[in-house]
Amino acid sequence: DRVEFVLQEKQLGTGHAVMQTEELFKGFDGEVLVLCGDMPLVSAQTLENLLSEHRQSNAAATVLTVELEDPVKYGRIVRGEDNQVEKIVEFVDATSREREIKEVNTAAYCFNASCLFLSLRKLTSDNIQGEYYLTDVIELLKRGGDRVSAYKSPRPHEGVGINSREELLSAEKIMREILSASG
């Protein structure tokens, strides 16, 4: 019903960006959907599926993932022996073995608000980029005994971010194909 904007004056990472919203969510005990502004191809149906998976699995956090043949510099989804999400490793921090993983983080999440903001307070910037990674919340939740779930979209293009002209042209081509197929 309403939109409120929050300014992240210093860009200290994705976790820091979400930290800036805590005051808006004070007293809120529901689900928080976190999306990136550079993912225009994610569908409403996929977001509904993400929310449904989150609720059905009774998770503290649910990550939207896709599998890519060439995952380039996307963060990797690291799963444990039980196939549950253990953590998300940013490409720059990933080992050579972790870089072989093809399931990647789209940077779209559903969190229980209280779990999210408690975990954000525990974030550190102890990584190669010196940033507060939102992805580290996943590992913090797991270490705290919380359940983390994932919904893998069957449409890999939904996880594509646009950060260059080439990526914009590619997204435009995909969108035209989608519109042509549906109409």
N, C-alpha and C. Protein backbone atom coordinates (compact mmCIF):
# COMPACT_ATOMS: atom_id res chain seq x y z
N ASP A 1 0.81 -1.20 0.00
CA ASP A 1 0.00 0.00 0.00
C ASP A 1 0.85 1.26 0.00
N ARG A 2 2.09 1.13 0.42
CA ARG A 2 2.94 2.32 0.45
C ARG A 2 4.39 1.91 0.18
N VAL A 3 5.16 2.87 -0.23
CA VAL A 3 6.57 2.65 -0.49
C VAL A 3 7.36 3.63 0.34
N GLU A 4 8.40 3.15 0.99
CA GLU A 4 9.29 4.02 1.74
C GLU A 4 10.70 3.77 1.24
N PHE A 5 11.46 4.83 1.11
CA PHE A 5 12.82 4.73 0.63
C PHE A 5 13.79 4.91 1.79
N VAL A 6 14.91 4.19 1.70
CA VAL A 6 15.97 4.29 2.68
C VAL A 6 17.26 4.53 1.91
N LEU A 7 18.07 5.43 2.37
CA LEU A 7 19.32 5.76 1.71
C LEU A 7 20.49 5.04 2.39
N GLN A 8 21.27 4.37 1.60
CA GLN A 8 22.52 3.77 2.08
C GLN A 8 23.63 4.75 1.68
N GLU A 9 23.96 5.66 2.58
CA GLU A 9 24.91 6.72 2.24
C GLU A 9 26.29 6.18 1.89
N LYS A 10 26.82 5.29 2.71
CA LYS A 10 28.09 4.64 2.39
C LYS A 10 27.76 3.25 1.87
N GLN A 11 28.33 2.88 0.75
CA GLN A 11 28.05 1.57 0.19
C GLN A 11 29.04 0.56 0.75
N LEU A 12 28.61 -0.10 1.82
CA LEU A 12 29.47 -1.05 2.53
C LEU A 12 29.01 -2.49 2.35
N GLY A 13 28.27 -2.77 1.28
CA GLY A 13 27.85 -4.13 0.97
C GLY A 13 26.35 -4.33 1.06
N THR A 14 25.92 -5.50 0.61
CA THR A 14 24.49 -5.82 0.56
C THR A 14 23.90 -5.98 1.95
N GLY A 15 24.67 -6.56 2.86
CA GLY A 15 24.18 -6.69 4.24
C GLY A 15 23.98 -5.32 4.86
N HIS A 16 24.91 -4.44 4.61
CA HIS A 16 24.81 -3.07 5.13
C HIS A 16 23.59 -2.37 4.53
N ALA A 17 23.32 -2.60 3.27
CA ALA A 17 22.14 -1.99 2.63
C ALA A 17 20.86 -2.41 3.35
N VAL A 18 20.74 -3.69 3.64
CA VAL A 18 19.53 -4.17 4.33
C VAL A 18 19.50 -3.68 5.77
N MET A 19 20.66 -3.52 6.39
CA MET A 19 20.72 -2.98 7.76
C MET A 19 20.02 -1.62 7.83
N GLN A 20 20.10 -0.86 6.75
CA GLN A 20 19.52 0.49 6.74
C GLN A 20 18.00 0.47 6.84
N THR A 21 17.38 -0.68 6.63
CA THR A 21 15.91 -0.78 6.67
C THR A 21 15.37 -1.19 8.03
N GLU A 22 16.24 -1.52 8.97
CA GLU A 22 15.78 -2.09 10.24
C GLU A 22 14.76 -1.21 10.94
N GLU A 23 14.95 0.06 10.95
CA GLU A 23 14.02 0.96 11.65
C GLU A 23 12.62 0.87 11.04
N LEU A 24 12.53 0.71 9.73
CA LEU A 24 11.22 0.58 9.07
C LEU A 24 10.47 -0.68 9.50
N PHE A 25 11.23 -1.72 9.86
CA PHE A 25 10.63 -2.99 10.22
C PHE A 25 10.51 -3.20 11.73
N LYS A 26 10.78 -2.17 12.49
CA LYS A 26 10.71 -2.28 13.95
C LYS A 26 9.30 -2.74 14.35
N GLY A 27 9.23 -3.82 15.11
CA GLY A 27 7.95 -4.35 15.56
C GLY A 27 7.25 -5.26 14.55
N PHE A 28 7.82 -5.40 13.37
CA PHE A 28 7.22 -6.25 12.33
C PHE A 28 7.67 -7.70 12.56
N ASP A 29 6.72 -8.62 12.55
CA ASP A 29 7.04 -10.02 12.80
C ASP A 29 6.56 -10.89 11.64
N GLY A 30 6.88 -10.50 10.45
CA GLY A 30 6.45 -11.26 9.28
C GLY A 30 7.63 -11.63 8.40
N GLU A 31 7.33 -11.77 7.13
CA GLU A 31 8.34 -12.15 6.15
C GLU A 31 8.83 -10.92 5.40
N VAL A 32 10.12 -10.90 5.14
CA VAL A 32 10.74 -9.82 4.40
C VAL A 32 11.30 -10.41 3.11
N LEU A 33 10.88 -9.88 2.00
CA LEU A 33 11.38 -10.30 0.70
C LEU A 33 12.45 -9.30 0.28
N VAL A 34 13.64 -9.80 -0.01
CA VAL A 34 14.76 -8.95 -0.44
C VAL A 34 15.06 -9.27 -1.89
N LEU A 35 14.99 -8.24 -2.74
CA LEU A 35 15.25 -8.41 -4.17
C LEU A 35 16.25 -7.37 -4.63
N CYS A 36 16.95 -7.69 -5.70
CA CYS A 36 17.86 -6.74 -6.31
C CYS A 36 17.13 -5.98 -7.41
N GLY A 37 17.49 -4.74 -7.59
CA GLY A 37 16.86 -3.92 -8.61
C GLY A 37 17.34 -4.22 -10.01
N ASP A 38 18.37 -5.06 -10.14
CA ASP A 38 18.91 -5.34 -11.47
C ASP A 38 18.49 -6.71 -12.02
N MET A 39 17.38 -7.26 -11.50
CA MET A 39 16.89 -8.57 -11.94
C MET A 39 15.49 -8.45 -12.54
N PRO A 40 15.38 -7.92 -13.74
CA PRO A 40 14.05 -7.66 -14.30
C PRO A 40 13.32 -8.90 -14.81
N LEU A 41 13.99 -10.03 -14.90
CA LEU A 41 13.37 -11.21 -15.50
C LEU A 41 12.75 -12.17 -14.50
N VAL A 42 12.87 -11.88 -13.21
CA VAL A 42 12.25 -12.76 -12.21
C VAL A 42 10.73 -12.54 -12.27
N SER A 43 10.00 -13.63 -12.31
CA SER A 43 8.54 -13.55 -12.47
C SER A 43 7.82 -13.52 -11.12
N ALA A 44 6.61 -13.01 -11.17
CA ALA A 44 5.77 -13.00 -9.97
C ALA A 44 5.52 -14.43 -9.49
N GLN A 45 5.35 -15.36 -10.44
CA GLN A 45 5.13 -16.77 -10.08
C GLN A 45 6.32 -17.34 -9.32
N THR A 46 7.51 -17.00 -9.75
CA THR A 46 8.71 -17.49 -9.05
C THR A 46 8.79 -16.91 -7.65
N LEU A 47 8.45 -15.65 -7.49
CA LEU A 47 8.45 -15.05 -6.15
C LEU A 47 7.39 -15.71 -5.27
N GLU A 48 6.24 -16.05 -5.84
CA GLU A 48 5.21 -16.77 -5.09
C GLU A 48 5.72 -18.15 -4.69
N ASN A 49 6.45 -18.82 -5.59
CA ASN A 49 7.02 -20.13 -5.28
C ASN A 49 8.09 -20.03 -4.19
N LEU A 50 8.88 -18.97 -4.23
CA LEU A 50 9.88 -18.73 -3.19
C LEU A 50 9.21 -18.57 -1.83
N LEU A 51 8.18 -17.75 -1.78
CA LEU A 51 7.44 -17.53 -0.54
C LEU A 51 6.77 -18.82 -0.05
N SER A 52 6.21 -19.58 -0.98
CA SER A 52 5.58 -20.85 -0.63
C SER A 52 6.59 -21.83 -0.05
N GLU A 53 7.75 -21.95 -0.67
CA GLU A 53 8.81 -22.82 -0.16
C GLU A 53 9.24 -22.38 1.23
N HIS A 54 9.36 -21.08 1.41
CA HIS A 54 9.76 -20.54 2.71
C HIS A 54 8.76 -20.95 3.80
N ARG A 55 7.50 -20.80 3.50
CA ARG A 55 6.47 -21.13 4.49
C ARG A 55 6.37 -22.63 4.72
N GLN A 56 6.39 -23.43 3.66
CA GLN A 56 6.25 -24.88 3.80
C GLN A 56 7.43 -25.50 4.54
N SER A 57 8.62 -24.96 4.34
CA SER A 57 9.81 -25.54 4.97
C SER A 57 10.04 -25.00 6.38
N ASN A 58 9.22 -24.01 6.77
CA ASN A 58 9.38 -23.40 8.09
C ASN A 58 10.81 -22.90 8.31
N ALA A 59 11.34 -22.25 7.28
CA ALA A 59 12.72 -21.78 7.30
C ALA A 59 12.83 -20.37 7.87
N ALA A 60 14.01 -20.06 8.39
CA ALA A 60 14.31 -18.70 8.81
C ALA A 60 14.65 -17.84 7.60
N ALA A 61 15.19 -18.51 6.57
CA ALA A 61 15.54 -17.84 5.31
C ALA A 61 15.39 -18.81 4.17
N THR A 62 14.99 -18.29 3.03
CA THR A 62 14.89 -19.09 1.82
C THR A 62 15.53 -18.30 0.69
N VAL A 63 16.39 -18.96 -0.05
CA VAL A 63 17.17 -18.34 -1.11
C VAL A 63 16.61 -18.77 -2.46
N LEU A 64 16.49 -17.82 -3.37
CA LEU A 64 16.14 -18.14 -4.75
C LEU A 64 17.43 -18.45 -5.49
N THR A 65 17.51 -19.64 -6.07
CA THR A 65 18.70 -20.05 -6.78
C THR A 65 18.36 -20.42 -8.22
N VAL A 66 19.38 -20.46 -9.05
CA VAL A 66 19.28 -21.00 -10.41
C VAL A 66 20.54 -21.78 -10.68
N GLU A 67 20.46 -22.67 -11.66
CA GLU A 67 21.64 -23.41 -12.07
C GLU A 67 22.07 -22.88 -13.43
N LEU A 68 23.35 -22.50 -13.51
CA LEU A 68 23.88 -21.93 -14.74
C LEU A 68 25.01 -22.80 -15.28
N GLU A 69 25.05 -22.97 -16.59
CA GLU A 69 26.14 -23.71 -17.21
C GLU A 69 27.47 -23.00 -16.98
N ASP A 70 27.46 -21.69 -17.12
CA ASP A 70 28.66 -20.89 -16.91
C ASP A 70 28.35 -19.84 -15.84
N PRO A 71 28.53 -20.20 -14.57
CA PRO A 71 28.10 -19.31 -13.49
C PRO A 71 28.98 -18.09 -13.26
N VAL A 72 29.99 -17.91 -14.06
CA VAL A 72 30.92 -16.79 -13.98
C VAL A 72 31.17 -16.33 -12.55
N LYS A 73 30.82 -15.11 -12.23
CA LYS A 73 31.21 -14.56 -10.92
C LYS A 73 30.07 -14.51 -9.91
N TYR A 74 29.06 -15.33 -10.10
CA TYR A 74 27.95 -15.38 -9.14
C TYR A 74 28.38 -16.12 -7.88
N GLY A 75 27.72 -15.79 -6.75
CA GLY A 75 27.96 -16.50 -5.50
C GLY A 75 27.42 -17.92 -5.60
N ARG A 76 28.15 -18.87 -5.05
CA ARG A 76 27.79 -20.29 -5.14
C ARG A 76 26.99 -20.75 -3.93
N ILE A 77 26.04 -21.65 -4.18
CA ILE A 77 25.24 -22.27 -3.12
C ILE A 77 25.97 -23.52 -2.66
N VAL A 78 26.40 -23.53 -1.42
CA VAL A 78 27.10 -24.68 -0.86
C VAL A 78 26.09 -25.45 -0.02
N ARG A 79 25.91 -26.71 -0.39
CA ARG A 79 24.97 -27.59 0.31
C ARG A 79 25.73 -28.63 1.12
N GLY A 80 25.11 -29.05 2.21
CA GLY A 80 25.72 -30.05 3.07
C GLY A 80 25.36 -31.46 2.62
N GLU A 81 25.78 -32.43 3.42
CA GLU A 81 25.51 -33.85 3.14
C GLU A 81 24.03 -34.13 2.96
N ASP A 82 23.19 -33.40 3.70
CA ASP A 82 21.75 -33.60 3.65
C ASP A 82 21.08 -32.79 2.53
N ASN A 83 21.89 -32.19 1.66
CA ASN A 83 21.43 -31.37 0.54
C ASN A 83 20.80 -30.06 0.98
N GLN A 84 20.93 -29.71 2.25
CA GLN A 84 20.41 -28.44 2.74
C GLN A 84 21.44 -27.34 2.50
N VAL A 85 20.96 -26.13 2.32
CA VAL A 85 21.86 -24.99 2.11
C VAL A 85 22.67 -24.77 3.39
N GLU A 86 23.98 -24.75 3.24
CA GLU A 86 24.89 -24.50 4.36
C GLU A 86 25.36 -23.05 4.37
N LYS A 87 25.68 -22.55 3.17
CA LYS A 87 26.18 -21.19 3.06
C LYS A 87 26.19 -20.76 1.60
N ILE A 88 26.41 -19.48 1.42
CA ILE A 88 26.60 -18.91 0.09
C ILE A 88 28.00 -18.31 0.09
N VAL A 89 28.78 -18.67 -0.90
CA VAL A 89 30.14 -18.16 -0.98
C VAL A 89 30.25 -17.23 -2.18
N GLU A 90 30.65 -15.98 -1.91
CA GLU A 90 30.87 -15.03 -2.99
C GLU A 90 32.02 -15.53 -3.86
N PHE A 91 31.94 -15.29 -5.15
CA PHE A 91 32.94 -15.79 -6.09
C PHE A 91 34.36 -15.43 -5.66
N VAL A 92 34.57 -14.18 -5.28
CA VAL A 92 35.93 -13.74 -4.92
C VAL A 92 36.47 -14.45 -3.69
N ASP A 93 35.59 -14.96 -2.85
CA ASP A 93 36.01 -15.66 -1.63
C ASP A 93 35.98 -17.18 -1.78
N ALA A 94 35.53 -17.67 -2.93
CA ALA A 94 35.33 -19.11 -3.14
C ALA A 94 36.64 -19.83 -3.43
N THR A 95 36.70 -21.08 -2.96
CA THR A 95 37.84 -21.94 -3.30
C THR A 95 37.64 -22.43 -4.74
N SER A 96 38.66 -23.04 -5.31
CA SER A 96 38.53 -23.56 -6.68
C SER A 96 37.44 -24.63 -6.75
N ARG A 97 37.30 -25.41 -5.70
CA ARG A 97 36.26 -26.44 -5.67
C ARG A 97 34.86 -25.81 -5.61
N GLU A 98 34.70 -24.78 -4.79
CA GLU A 98 33.41 -24.09 -4.69
C GLU A 98 33.06 -23.39 -6.00
N ARG A 99 34.05 -22.93 -6.73
CA ARG A 99 33.79 -22.27 -8.02
C ARG A 99 33.26 -23.24 -9.07
N GLU A 100 33.42 -24.54 -8.86
CA GLU A 100 32.88 -25.56 -9.78
C GLU A 100 31.37 -25.74 -9.63
N ILE A 101 30.80 -25.27 -8.53
CA ILE A 101 29.37 -25.40 -8.26
C ILE A 101 28.60 -24.56 -9.27
N LYS A 102 27.55 -25.15 -9.85
CA LYS A 102 26.77 -24.46 -10.87
C LYS A 102 25.48 -23.84 -10.32
N GLU A 103 25.07 -24.22 -9.11
CA GLU A 103 23.90 -23.61 -8.50
C GLU A 103 24.35 -22.29 -7.85
N VAL A 104 23.69 -21.21 -8.26
CA VAL A 104 24.12 -19.89 -7.81
C VAL A 104 23.02 -19.12 -7.12
N ASN A 105 23.46 -18.16 -6.35
CA ASN A 105 22.58 -17.26 -5.63
C ASN A 105 22.08 -16.17 -6.58
N THR A 106 20.79 -15.93 -6.59
CA THR A 106 20.24 -14.85 -7.41
C THR A 106 20.19 -13.53 -6.66
N ALA A 107 20.44 -13.58 -5.36
CA ALA A 107 20.35 -12.42 -4.47
C ALA A 107 18.91 -12.03 -4.21
N ALA A 108 18.01 -12.99 -4.34
CA ALA A 108 16.60 -12.80 -3.94
C ALA A 108 16.35 -13.76 -2.78
N TYR A 109 15.75 -13.23 -1.70
CA TYR A 109 15.59 -14.01 -0.48
C TYR A 109 14.23 -13.72 0.15
N CYS A 110 13.80 -14.67 0.97
CA CYS A 110 12.69 -14.45 1.87
C CYS A 110 13.22 -14.76 3.27
N PHE A 111 13.06 -13.82 4.18
CA PHE A 111 13.54 -13.97 5.55
C PHE A 111 12.40 -13.80 6.54
N ASN A 112 12.49 -14.47 7.66
CA ASN A 112 11.68 -14.09 8.81
C ASN A 112 12.33 -12.82 9.36
N ALA A 113 11.56 -11.77 9.52
CA ALA A 113 12.12 -10.46 9.89
C ALA A 113 13.00 -10.52 11.13
N SER A 114 12.52 -11.15 12.19
CA SER A 114 13.30 -11.17 13.44
C SER A 114 14.63 -11.89 13.25
N CYS A 115 14.64 -12.98 12.53
CA CYS A 115 15.89 -13.72 12.27
C CYS A 115 16.84 -12.88 11.43
N LEU A 116 16.30 -12.20 10.45
CA LEU A 116 17.13 -11.37 9.57
C LEU A 116 17.86 -10.29 10.35
N PHE A 117 17.12 -9.50 11.12
CA PHE A 117 17.73 -8.36 11.78
C PHE A 117 18.64 -8.76 12.94
N LEU A 118 18.33 -9.86 13.61
CA LEU A 118 19.26 -10.37 14.63
C LEU A 118 20.58 -10.79 14.00
N SER A 119 20.51 -11.45 12.85
CA SER A 119 21.72 -11.90 12.15
C SER A 119 22.50 -10.74 11.57
N LEU A 120 21.83 -9.74 11.07
CA LEU A 120 22.53 -8.59 10.50
C LEU A 120 23.43 -7.91 11.54
N ARG A 121 22.99 -7.93 12.79
CA ARG A 121 23.79 -7.30 13.85
C ARG A 121 25.09 -8.07 14.11
N LYS A 122 25.15 -9.31 13.65
CA LYS A 122 26.35 -10.15 13.87
C LYS A 122 27.30 -10.13 12.67
N LEU A 123 26.94 -9.48 11.60
CA LEU A 123 27.79 -9.46 10.41
C LEU A 123 29.10 -8.73 10.66
N THR A 124 30.13 -9.20 10.00
CA THR A 124 31.42 -8.50 10.00
C THR A 124 31.82 -8.25 8.54
N SER A 125 32.78 -7.41 8.35
CA SER A 125 33.28 -7.13 7.00
C SER A 125 34.62 -7.82 6.77
N ASP A 126 34.81 -8.96 7.43
CA ASP A 126 36.06 -9.70 7.35
C ASP A 126 36.06 -10.59 6.11
N ASN A 127 36.26 -9.98 4.95
CA ASN A 127 36.31 -10.70 3.68
C ASN A 127 37.17 -9.90 2.71
N ILE A 128 37.40 -10.45 1.55
CA ILE A 128 38.31 -9.82 0.58
C ILE A 128 37.87 -8.41 0.21
N GLN A 129 36.57 -8.17 0.11
CA GLN A 129 36.08 -6.86 -0.31
C GLN A 129 35.86 -5.88 0.85
N GLY A 130 35.98 -6.38 2.08
CA GLY A 130 35.78 -5.51 3.24
C GLY A 130 34.35 -5.01 3.35
N GLU A 131 33.39 -5.85 2.93
CA GLU A 131 31.98 -5.46 2.93
C GLU A 131 31.17 -6.34 3.87
N TYR A 132 29.99 -5.87 4.20
CA TYR A 132 29.02 -6.65 4.96
C TYR A 132 28.14 -7.39 3.96
N TYR A 133 28.37 -8.68 3.81
CA TYR A 133 27.64 -9.49 2.83
C TYR A 133 26.31 -9.97 3.41
N LEU A 134 25.24 -9.73 2.71
CA LEU A 134 23.94 -10.30 3.09
C LEU A 134 24.01 -11.83 3.03
N THR A 135 24.81 -12.36 2.13
CA THR A 135 24.94 -13.81 2.01
C THR A 135 25.47 -14.45 3.30
N ASP A 136 26.24 -13.71 4.10
CA ASP A 136 26.77 -14.27 5.34
C ASP A 136 25.66 -14.53 6.37
N VAL A 137 24.52 -13.89 6.21
CA VAL A 137 23.38 -14.13 7.10
C VAL A 137 22.97 -15.60 7.03
N ILE A 138 23.07 -16.18 5.85
CA ILE A 138 22.68 -17.59 5.66
C ILE A 138 23.52 -18.49 6.56
N GLU A 139 24.82 -18.33 6.53
CA GLU A 139 25.71 -19.15 7.36
C GLU A 139 25.49 -18.87 8.85
N LEU A 140 25.27 -17.62 9.21
CA LEU A 140 24.99 -17.29 10.61
C LEU A 140 23.73 -17.99 11.10
N LEU A 141 22.70 -17.99 10.28
CA LEU A 141 21.45 -18.67 10.65
C LEU A 141 21.69 -20.17 10.83
N LYS A 142 22.42 -20.77 9.88
CA LYS A 142 22.70 -22.21 9.98
C LYS A 142 23.48 -22.53 11.24
N ARG A 143 24.51 -21.74 11.53
CA ARG A 143 25.31 -21.98 12.74
C ARG A 143 24.49 -21.83 14.00
N GLY A 144 23.46 -20.99 13.94
CA GLY A 144 22.58 -20.78 15.08
C GLY A 144 21.49 -21.84 15.20
N GLY A 145 21.50 -22.82 14.29
CA GLY A 145 20.53 -23.90 14.34
C GLY A 145 19.24 -23.65 13.57
N ASP A 146 19.20 -22.56 12.83
CA ASP A 146 18.00 -22.25 12.04
C ASP A 146 18.02 -23.00 10.70
N ARG A 147 16.85 -23.19 10.17
CA ARG A 147 16.71 -23.85 8.87
C ARG A 147 16.81 -22.81 7.76
N VAL A 148 17.59 -23.15 6.74
CA VAL A 148 17.69 -22.34 5.53
C VAL A 148 17.27 -23.20 4.37
N SER A 149 16.35 -22.70 3.59
CA SER A 149 15.81 -23.43 2.46
C SER A 149 16.20 -22.74 1.17
N ALA A 150 15.93 -23.40 0.05
CA ALA A 150 16.18 -22.80 -1.26
C ALA A 150 15.06 -23.20 -2.20
N TYR A 151 14.72 -22.28 -3.07
CA TYR A 151 13.83 -22.60 -4.18
C TYR A 151 14.65 -22.38 -5.45
N LYS A 152 14.85 -23.47 -6.22
CA LYS A 152 15.60 -23.37 -7.46
C LYS A 152 14.63 -23.16 -8.61
N SER A 153 14.73 -22.02 -9.24
CA SER A 153 13.87 -21.72 -10.38
C SER A 153 14.27 -22.60 -11.56
N PRO A 154 13.29 -23.16 -12.25
CA PRO A 154 13.61 -23.96 -13.44
C PRO A 154 13.98 -23.07 -14.63
N ARG A 155 13.89 -21.77 -14.47
CA ARG A 155 14.18 -20.82 -15.55
C ARG A 155 15.43 -20.01 -15.18
N PRO A 156 16.61 -20.48 -15.61
CA PRO A 156 17.86 -19.83 -15.21
C PRO A 156 17.93 -18.34 -15.53
N HIS A 157 17.25 -17.91 -16.57
CA HIS A 157 17.32 -16.49 -16.94
C HIS A 157 16.75 -15.58 -15.85
N GLU A 158 15.95 -16.13 -14.94
CA GLU A 158 15.36 -15.29 -13.90
C GLU A 158 16.40 -14.76 -12.91
N GLY A 159 17.54 -15.40 -12.84
CA GLY A 159 18.57 -14.97 -11.91
C GLY A 159 19.59 -14.03 -12.52
N VAL A 160 19.38 -13.66 -13.77
CA VAL A 160 20.34 -12.82 -14.47
C VAL A 160 20.24 -11.37 -13.99
N GLY A 161 21.36 -10.84 -13.58
CA GLY A 161 21.44 -9.44 -13.20
C GLY A 161 21.96 -8.63 -14.38
N ILE A 162 21.62 -7.36 -14.41
CA ILE A 162 22.07 -6.50 -15.50
C ILE A 162 23.03 -5.46 -14.95
N ASN A 163 24.29 -5.61 -15.33
CA ASN A 163 25.32 -4.70 -14.86
C ASN A 163 26.19 -4.17 -16.00
N SER A 164 25.80 -4.47 -17.23
CA SER A 164 26.56 -3.99 -18.39
C SER A 164 25.61 -3.90 -19.59
N ARG A 165 26.07 -3.25 -20.64
CA ARG A 165 25.26 -3.14 -21.86
C ARG A 165 25.02 -4.52 -22.48
N GLU A 166 26.04 -5.37 -22.43
CA GLU A 166 25.90 -6.72 -22.98
C GLU A 166 24.81 -7.50 -22.24
N GLU A 167 24.81 -7.39 -20.91
CA GLU A 167 23.79 -8.08 -20.11
C GLU A 167 22.41 -7.49 -20.38
N LEU A 168 22.33 -6.19 -20.60
CA LEU A 168 21.06 -5.56 -20.94
C LEU A 168 20.54 -6.07 -22.28
N LEU A 169 21.40 -6.19 -23.27
CA LEU A 169 20.99 -6.71 -24.58
C LEU A 169 20.54 -8.16 -24.48
N SER A 170 21.25 -8.95 -23.69
CA SER A 170 20.88 -10.35 -23.49
C SER A 170 19.52 -10.46 -22.80
N ALA A 171 19.29 -9.65 -21.77
CA ALA A 171 18.00 -9.66 -21.06
C ALA A 171 16.87 -9.22 -21.99
N GLU A 172 17.14 -8.23 -22.82
CA GLU A 172 16.13 -7.77 -23.77
C GLU A 172 15.75 -8.87 -24.75
N LYS A 173 16.74 -9.63 -25.21
CA LYS A 173 16.49 -10.74 -26.13
C LYS A 173 15.63 -11.81 -25.45
N ILE A 174 15.96 -12.14 -24.21
CA ILE A 174 15.19 -13.14 -23.46
C ILE A 174 13.75 -12.66 -23.26
N MET A 175 13.58 -11.40 -22.91
CA MET A 175 12.24 -10.84 -22.70
C MET A 175 11.42 -10.90 -23.99
N ARG A 176 12.04 -10.61 -25.10
CA ARG A 176 11.32 -10.69 -26.38
C ARG A 176 10.87 -12.12 -26.68
N GLU A 177 11.75 -13.09 -26.37
CA GLU A 177 11.41 -14.50 -26.57
C GLU A 177 10.23 -14.91 -25.67
N ILE A 178 10.25 -14.45 -24.43
CA ILE A 178 9.16 -14.75 -23.50
C ILE A 178 7.85 -14.16 -23.99
N LEU A 179 7.90 -12.90 -24.39
CA LEU A 179 6.69 -12.23 -24.88
C LEU A 179 6.18 -12.86 -26.17
N SER A 180 7.08 -13.26 -27.03
CA SER A 180 6.69 -13.90 -28.29
C SER A 180 6.02 -15.25 -28.04
N ALA A 181 6.56 -16.01 -27.08
CA ALA A 181 6.02 -17.34 -26.76
C ALA A 181 4.66 -17.25 -26.08
N SER A 182 4.42 -16.16 -25.34
CA SER A 182 3.17 -16.06 -24.59
C SER A 182 2.05 -15.38 -25.38
N GLY A 183 2.40 -14.79 -26.48
CA GLY A 183 1.33 -14.04 -27.10
C GLY A 183 1.15 -14.18 -28.53
